[in-house]
Protein backbone atom coordinates (compact mmCIF):
# COMPACT_ATOMS: atom_id res chain seq x y z
CA MET A 1 75.54 99.43 87.29
CA ILE A 2 79.08 100.44 85.21
CA TYR A 3 81.02 101.69 87.98
CA LEU A 4 83.83 104.28 86.83
CA ASN A 5 84.19 106.96 89.50
CA CYS A 6 87.39 104.51 91.00
CA ALA A 7 89.48 107.39 91.91
CA ALA A 8 86.25 108.71 94.51
CA THR A 9 86.19 105.10 96.03
CA SER A 10 86.48 101.52 95.45
CA TYR A 11 83.33 100.05 94.59
CA LYS A 12 83.15 96.42 94.18
CA ARG A 13 85.46 94.96 96.75
CA PRO A 14 87.37 91.54 97.31
CA GLN A 15 85.03 89.11 99.50
CA CYS A 16 88.07 88.46 101.62
CA VAL A 17 87.37 92.20 102.88
CA VAL A 18 83.79 92.08 103.57
CA ASP A 19 84.27 88.65 105.33
CA ALA A 20 87.59 90.43 107.55
CA VAL A 21 85.40 93.31 108.43
CA SER A 22 82.66 91.14 109.59
CA ARG A 23 84.70 88.79 111.93
CA ALA A 24 86.50 91.75 113.32
CA LEU A 25 83.11 93.28 114.23
CA CYS A 26 81.89 90.18 115.78
CA SER A 27 85.44 89.54 117.95
CA PHE A 28 87.43 92.30 118.15
CA GLY A 29 88.11 94.42 121.12
CA SER A 30 90.14 97.91 121.47
CA THR A 31 93.98 97.67 120.52
CA GLY A 32 96.17 98.41 123.47
CA ARG A 33 93.20 98.79 125.93
CA GLY A 34 92.80 94.91 127.49
CA ALA A 35 94.46 91.95 127.76
CA ALA A 36 91.60 89.42 126.82
CA SER A 37 91.47 87.79 123.82
CA ALA A 38 89.27 90.49 122.01
CA GLU A 39 91.91 92.68 122.80
CA LEU A 40 95.01 90.70 121.59
CA ASP A 41 93.39 89.50 118.47
CA ALA A 42 92.36 93.35 117.47
CA ALA A 43 96.13 93.86 118.35
CA ARG A 44 97.72 91.38 116.61
CA ALA A 45 95.64 92.18 113.03
CA VAL A 46 96.31 95.77 113.32
CA MET A 47 100.30 94.56 113.39
CA VAL A 48 99.92 91.92 110.61
CA ALA A 49 97.98 94.90 108.31
CA ARG A 50 101.43 97.11 109.24
CA GLU A 51 103.52 94.43 108.08
CA ARG A 52 101.71 94.18 105.13
CA ILE A 53 101.28 97.60 103.96
CA ALA A 54 104.73 98.11 104.80
CA LEU A 55 105.84 94.96 102.17
CA LEU A 56 103.37 96.25 99.50
CA LEU A 57 104.86 99.42 99.57
CA GLY A 58 108.19 98.88 99.88
CA PHE A 59 108.69 99.95 103.29
CA SER A 60 111.14 98.41 106.15
CA HIS A 61 110.25 100.20 109.01
CA PRO A 62 106.39 98.75 109.90
CA GLU A 63 106.45 100.07 112.98
CA ARG A 64 106.12 103.40 111.97
CA VAL A 65 102.92 102.44 109.16
CA VAL A 66 100.72 105.10 111.12
CA PHE A 67 97.14 104.43 110.83
CA ALA A 68 94.60 107.45 109.89
CA ALA A 69 91.18 107.90 109.37
CA ASN A 70 91.55 108.57 105.33
CA ALA A 71 94.61 110.26 103.25
CA THR A 72 93.16 113.80 104.27
CA ASP A 73 93.66 113.01 107.64
CA ALA A 74 97.07 111.69 106.95
CA LEU A 75 98.44 114.88 105.05
CA ASN A 76 96.95 116.80 107.56
CA LYS A 77 98.74 115.11 110.24
CA ALA A 78 102.15 115.28 108.16
CA ILE A 79 102.03 118.86 106.64
CA LEU A 80 100.85 120.56 110.35
CA GLY A 81 103.41 118.36 112.33
CA ILE A 82 106.52 119.13 110.02
CA VAL A 83 105.70 122.75 109.19
CA LYS A 84 106.87 125.48 111.63
CA PRO A 85 106.18 128.85 111.58
CA GLY A 86 108.05 131.02 108.99
CA ASP A 87 108.75 127.96 106.79
CA HIS A 88 109.03 127.56 103.29
CA VAL A 89 107.07 124.75 101.45
CA VAL A 90 106.74 124.14 97.72
CA ALA A 91 103.69 122.20 96.27
CA THR A 92 102.46 121.78 92.68
CA ASP A 93 99.25 122.33 91.00
CA TRP A 94 98.27 119.18 90.74
CA ASP A 95 97.92 118.63 94.97
CA HIS A 96 94.59 118.02 96.19
CA ASN A 97 92.46 120.60 98.61
CA SER A 98 93.87 117.84 101.28
CA VAL A 99 97.02 119.43 100.84
CA LEU A 100 96.03 123.17 99.55
CA ARG A 101 93.70 123.97 102.42
CA PRO A 102 96.18 123.18 105.49
CA LEU A 103 98.88 124.96 103.37
CA ASN A 104 96.56 127.72 102.96
CA ARG A 105 95.73 127.81 106.84
CA LEU A 106 99.68 127.61 107.56
CA GLN A 107 100.04 130.64 105.17
CA LYS A 108 97.67 132.80 107.40
CA LYS A 109 98.52 131.15 111.07
CA ARG A 110 101.89 130.23 111.00
CA ASN A 111 103.41 132.73 108.31
CA VAL A 112 104.71 129.90 106.05
CA LYS A 113 105.75 130.66 102.55
CA VAL A 114 104.17 128.54 100.17
CA ASP A 115 105.53 128.45 96.22
CA TYR A 116 103.63 126.14 93.79
CA VAL A 117 104.81 124.28 90.90
CA PRO A 118 102.53 125.52 87.76
CA ALA A 119 100.77 122.61 85.57
CA ASN A 120 100.84 123.68 82.24
CA LEU A 121 97.73 123.44 79.80
CA GLN A 122 98.28 119.81 78.89
CA GLY A 123 98.53 119.21 83.16
CA CYS A 124 101.92 118.48 82.96
CA LEU A 125 104.73 120.06 85.92
CA ASP A 126 107.07 122.59 84.76
CA TRP A 127 110.09 121.03 86.82
CA ASP A 128 112.73 123.82 85.74
CA VAL A 129 110.19 126.02 88.35
CA LEU A 130 110.88 123.14 90.92
CA GLU A 131 114.39 123.73 90.77
CA ARG A 132 114.11 127.15 90.77
CA LEU A 133 111.71 127.39 93.89
CA VAL A 134 113.56 124.43 95.87
CA SER A 135 116.03 126.30 98.07
CA PRO A 136 118.11 125.84 101.22
CA GLY A 137 115.64 127.27 103.04
CA THR A 138 113.00 124.80 102.18
CA ARG A 139 111.48 122.66 104.74
CA LEU A 140 108.90 120.41 102.92
CA VAL A 141 108.51 119.70 99.16
CA VAL A 142 105.13 118.05 98.66
CA VAL A 143 103.95 115.94 95.62
CA THR A 144 100.99 113.73 94.25
CA HIS A 145 102.25 110.80 92.83
CA ALA A 146 99.43 111.12 90.33
CA SER A 147 96.94 113.85 89.50
CA ASN A 148 93.46 113.04 90.61
CA LEU A 149 92.22 115.00 87.58
CA THR A 150 94.62 113.66 85.01
CA GLY A 151 95.91 111.04 86.14
CA ASN A 152 99.55 111.92 85.38
CA ILE A 153 102.04 110.21 87.01
CA CYS A 154 104.62 112.90 88.85
CA ASP A 155 108.63 111.94 88.58
CA LEU A 156 109.25 111.25 92.21
CA GLU A 157 113.13 110.27 91.62
CA ARG A 158 113.45 114.09 90.30
CA VAL A 159 111.48 115.70 92.98
CA VAL A 160 113.92 114.00 95.87
CA THR A 161 116.91 114.56 94.17
CA VAL A 162 116.07 117.99 94.13
CA ALA A 163 114.41 118.28 97.78
CA HIS A 164 117.23 116.60 99.43
CA ALA A 165 120.01 118.44 97.80
CA VAL A 166 118.99 121.24 99.91
CA GLY A 167 117.57 119.27 103.11
CA ALA A 168 114.49 119.67 102.26
CA LEU A 169 111.65 116.40 103.29
CA VAL A 170 109.33 115.38 100.39
CA LEU A 171 105.90 114.35 101.51
CA VAL A 172 103.63 112.06 98.71
CA ASP A 173 100.04 111.95 98.46
CA ALA A 174 99.81 108.67 97.36
CA SER A 175 95.84 108.62 96.93
CA GLN A 176 95.41 107.42 93.65
CA THR A 177 98.66 104.99 93.41
CA ALA A 178 98.44 102.89 96.54
CA GLY A 179 97.63 99.71 95.25
CA SER A 180 97.70 100.20 91.54
CA VAL A 181 100.88 101.92 90.78
CA PRO A 182 104.34 100.01 91.67
CA ILE A 183 105.72 101.67 94.63
CA ASN A 184 108.86 101.83 96.58
CA PHE A 185 109.26 103.86 99.50
CA ASP A 186 112.83 102.50 100.50
CA ASP A 187 114.21 102.61 96.90
CA LEU A 188 112.27 106.06 96.04
CA GLY A 189 114.15 107.60 99.13
CA VAL A 190 110.82 109.76 100.05
CA ASP A 191 110.23 110.79 103.70
CA VAL A 192 106.90 109.98 104.16
CA LEU A 193 103.94 108.73 102.19
CA ALA A 194 100.34 109.37 102.40
CA PHE A 195 97.84 106.52 101.50
CA THR A 196 94.37 105.87 101.66
CA GLY A 197 92.82 102.22 101.91
CA HIS A 198 89.37 102.78 100.31
CA LYS A 199 90.48 103.35 96.59
CA ALA A 200 92.76 101.48 94.68
CA LEU A 201 93.61 99.07 97.83
CA MET A 202 90.22 97.98 98.11
CA GLY A 203 89.57 98.47 101.45
CA PRO A 204 87.02 100.17 103.79
CA GLN A 205 86.13 103.58 103.99
CA GLY A 206 87.84 105.33 106.93
CA THR A 207 91.43 103.81 106.55
CA GLY A 208 94.54 105.50 105.32
CA GLY A 209 97.22 106.66 106.65
CA LEU A 210 101.26 107.48 106.57
CA LEU A 211 104.57 105.61 105.73
CA VAL A 212 107.26 107.87 108.45
CA ALA A 213 110.67 107.54 107.33
CA PRO A 214 113.17 107.03 110.99
CA HIS A 215 114.68 110.44 110.64
CA VAL A 216 111.91 112.04 109.86
CA ALA A 217 109.85 114.23 113.25
CA ILE A 218 106.34 114.81 112.84
CA GLU A 219 104.90 116.81 116.00
CA ALA A 220 101.80 115.52 116.85
CA VAL A 221 99.04 117.81 116.14
CA ILE A 222 96.09 115.64 117.91
CA GLN A 223 96.73 114.44 121.60
CA GLY A 224 95.10 111.78 123.41
CA GLY A 225 94.95 108.49 124.82
CA THR A 226 97.15 105.70 123.18
CA GLY A 227 96.84 102.46 125.55
CA VAL A 228 100.41 102.58 126.51
CA LEU A 229 102.83 105.04 128.47
CA SER A 230 99.36 106.68 129.76
CA PHE A 231 101.65 108.84 132.41
CA GLU A 232 103.28 110.96 129.83
CA GLU A 233 101.96 114.18 129.89
CA GLU A 234 102.36 114.52 125.87
CA MET A 235 101.94 112.12 123.10
CA PRO A 236 105.07 109.35 123.46
CA GLN A 237 107.50 109.39 120.88
CA VAL A 238 107.54 105.55 120.28
CA TYR A 239 105.85 104.91 117.13
CA PRO A 240 103.28 104.59 115.84
CA GLU A 241 101.49 105.80 119.29
CA HIS A 242 103.16 108.88 118.74
CA LEU A 243 100.46 109.89 115.95
CA GLU A 244 97.66 107.49 116.73
CA ALA A 245 95.39 109.27 119.39
CA GLY A 246 92.80 107.26 120.41
CA THR A 247 90.98 104.44 119.75
CA LEU A 248 91.56 102.72 116.55
CA ASN A 249 89.48 101.67 113.67
CA SER A 250 90.44 98.16 114.26
CA HIS A 251 87.45 96.84 112.32
CA GLY A 252 88.41 98.68 109.16
CA ILE A 253 92.31 97.90 109.51
CA ALA A 254 91.52 94.41 109.51
CA GLY A 255 89.24 94.92 106.56
CA LEU A 256 92.21 96.91 104.96
CA SER A 257 94.63 93.97 105.67
CA ALA A 258 92.48 91.75 103.77
CA ALA A 259 92.69 93.90 100.64
CA VAL A 260 95.98 94.81 100.69
CA ASP A 261 96.93 90.97 101.04
CA PHE A 262 94.56 90.37 98.15
CA VAL A 263 96.78 92.81 96.16
CA SER A 264 99.76 91.32 96.97
CA GLU A 265 98.77 87.81 95.66
CA GLN A 266 97.48 89.47 92.17
CA GLY A 267 100.26 91.60 92.13
CA VAL A 268 100.98 95.35 91.79
CA CYS A 269 102.23 95.44 88.43
CA ALA A 270 99.70 92.74 86.79
CA VAL A 271 96.99 95.38 88.33
CA HIS A 272 98.74 98.23 86.77
CA ARG A 273 98.78 96.78 83.39
CA HIS A 274 95.25 95.61 83.78
CA ASP A 275 94.61 99.80 84.62
CA LEU A 276 97.15 100.91 81.82
CA ALA A 277 95.30 98.57 78.96
CA LEU A 278 91.94 99.98 80.33
CA VAL A 279 93.42 103.66 79.96
CA ARG A 280 94.95 103.03 76.30
CA GLN A 281 91.69 101.91 75.44
CA PHE A 282 89.40 104.57 76.40
CA VAL A 283 92.06 107.17 74.91
CA ALA A 284 91.84 104.96 71.84
CA GLU A 285 88.04 104.94 71.65
CA ALA A 286 87.40 108.73 72.88
CA ARG A 287 89.57 110.51 70.60
CA GLN A 288 87.26 109.26 67.80
CA VAL A 289 84.05 111.06 69.67
CA PRO A 290 83.40 114.79 67.81
CA GLY A 291 83.50 117.66 69.93
CA ILE A 292 85.61 115.74 72.80
CA GLU A 293 88.59 117.48 74.82
CA LEU A 294 90.55 115.12 76.68
CA TYR A 295 92.80 116.85 79.79
CA GLY A 296 96.15 115.59 80.75
CA SER A 297 99.33 114.24 78.65
CA PHE A 298 98.85 111.37 76.74
CA PRO A 299 101.40 109.58 73.92
CA ASP A 300 100.09 110.76 69.99
CA ASN A 301 100.40 107.27 69.92
CA ILE A 302 98.51 105.55 73.14
CA SER A 303 100.12 101.94 72.48
CA GLU A 304 102.93 104.21 73.77
CA LEU A 305 101.75 104.48 77.56
CA ASN A 306 103.34 101.40 78.71
CA GLY A 307 104.29 102.52 82.54
CA GLU A 308 108.19 102.30 81.82
CA SER A 309 109.00 105.84 83.16
CA SER A 310 106.84 108.80 84.07
CA GLN A 311 106.48 110.13 80.93
CA LYS A 312 104.95 106.78 79.95
CA ASP A 313 102.87 105.94 82.80
CA HIS A 314 99.50 106.76 83.78
CA ALA A 315 96.83 106.08 86.86
CA PRO A 316 93.59 104.66 85.97
CA ILE A 317 91.96 108.12 85.54
CA VAL A 318 90.92 109.67 82.30
CA THR A 319 89.19 113.82 82.37
CA LEU A 320 87.19 115.12 79.44
CA ASN A 321 84.56 117.44 78.66
CA LEU A 322 82.12 117.00 75.40
CA ASP A 323 80.54 119.98 73.55
CA GLY A 324 76.95 120.98 73.85
CA TRP A 325 77.45 119.32 77.53
CA THR A 326 77.86 120.72 80.82
CA SER A 327 79.91 118.50 82.93
CA SER A 328 76.84 117.78 85.12
CA GLU A 329 74.57 117.10 82.83
CA LEU A 330 76.98 114.89 80.72
CA ALA A 331 77.11 113.18 84.38
CA ARG A 332 73.86 112.90 85.23
CA VAL A 333 72.56 111.47 81.65
CA LEU A 334 75.51 109.04 82.03
CA SER A 335 73.77 107.71 85.13
CA VAL A 336 70.14 107.92 84.43
CA GLU A 337 70.48 106.76 80.86
CA TYR A 338 73.26 104.85 80.63
CA ASP A 339 73.40 103.74 84.24
CA ILE A 340 77.22 104.14 84.05
CA SER A 341 78.70 106.39 87.31
CA VAL A 342 81.08 109.22 87.19
CA ARG A 343 82.16 112.13 88.62
CA ALA A 344 82.11 115.55 87.63
CA GLY A 345 82.84 118.92 88.86
CA ALA A 346 85.93 120.46 90.48
CA HIS A 347 87.28 117.09 92.36
CA CYS A 348 88.84 118.95 94.79
CA ALA A 349 91.90 120.18 92.63
CA PRO A 350 91.23 123.95 92.19
CA ARG A 351 94.59 124.83 91.08
CA MET A 352 94.69 121.74 88.57
CA HIS A 353 91.16 123.01 87.27
CA ARG A 354 92.37 126.24 86.70
CA ALA A 355 95.65 125.53 85.32
CA LEU A 356 93.33 123.40 82.46
CA GLY A 357 91.03 126.68 82.23
CA THR A 358 88.27 124.56 82.94
CA GLN A 359 87.48 126.42 86.64
CA ASP A 360 84.17 127.77 85.16
CA THR A 361 83.28 124.36 83.72
CA GLY A 362 84.02 121.51 85.15
CA SER A 363 84.89 117.97 84.02
CA VAL A 364 83.93 114.68 83.95
CA ARG A 365 85.96 112.04 85.31
CA PHE A 366 86.20 108.31 83.93
CA SER A 367 88.35 106.18 86.57
CA PHE A 368 89.02 102.48 86.11
CA GLY A 369 89.97 99.58 88.88
CA PHE A 370 90.58 96.24 89.15
CA TYR A 371 87.03 94.98 88.10
CA THR A 372 86.54 97.14 85.21
CA THR A 373 86.17 95.29 82.36
CA GLU A 374 87.10 96.46 78.24
CA ASP A 375 83.06 95.61 77.79
CA GLU A 376 82.16 98.53 80.07
CA ILE A 377 85.03 101.00 78.87
CA HIS A 378 83.77 100.18 75.55
CA LYS A 379 80.02 100.80 76.77
CA ALA A 380 81.28 104.09 78.03
CA THR A 381 82.88 105.59 74.87
CA THR A 382 79.62 104.07 72.68
CA ALA A 383 77.75 106.16 75.10
CA LEU A 384 79.95 109.36 74.87
CA ASN A 385 79.94 109.04 70.97
CA GLU A 386 75.99 108.89 70.77
CA LEU A 387 75.46 111.73 73.28
CA ALA A 388 77.92 113.38 71.02
CA LYS A 389 75.95 113.05 68.06
CA SER A 390 72.94 113.56 69.95
CA VAL A 391 73.97 117.66 69.73
CA MET A 392 75.22 117.94 66.25
């Protein structure tokens, strides 16, 4: 199978990840719930994972790397734990339902005001609107580092500058960039960052978390056991336990730790160069397919896509539609006749589809990863060309 659905989850994983999960399943106890070697080994592995993630993402406080079930869980913990009744939040059309649905609930249940930075027909955000919307009363600005629909990259430095000028916090959804696009939390000055372990990081599903800057207070929305400070009536204030109720997925975290180590050895910059080369190749070849429509912003000269700035950067995602084909049928035929895995539909990004005018049709997303090859890209664009000509 040619797997081009990496924005949904990684498919091929490094052998070290498989080995780490297997070892953990056979030897780990529960972190913080005993003093035998099984519990201590699990605790040490979790600590090492925090340190590796912090190092990879340029975060100088590994004790404030908080594990969660996935990015959705992490984003809910951050949003619901930061925003108070009557607060003002600014989000964007790029956001995933992992952001939109918690905010919709807050609007209904806590009288929270939410404004959205719109995207145009090319999928670009209107930064002038951001500057108008963010005001001294804004509590939180939520931004997606890279759109899961177009792959366009957000100018985080600009967002941080605008938000911090009025005292607002910045929450970044790095689901599509952690592990494939260089991130330095400390240098960027963001306040909270959510990541998932099973996409570009190539870790197990069921892993993810938050990086929480020391000055940020997040109310714990889930209460429970932590293995420490058991006589506290509510969640202890010490991190990471404050946001980690219940038994950690130490088996998955062990796999994630091995995955992060693998990505670090390859170098995120090298991974990103590899991904950008695949995007350039796919776009250049796809533009030759009759009746194709690509969504998002790409340079006219695709060779200019080089990662030097947000305007010239891109996540390994390209989304399209093809004349004569519904998005669902195109994805089905690619799978059945060409053994190519892609994703069709709305991609949990309703506002972005409305901005692009594809709310009624959906679209087909091709997304690439560490193990994707140039030959696979060429086979995919050749298949699109054949299918385009078959309905002419």
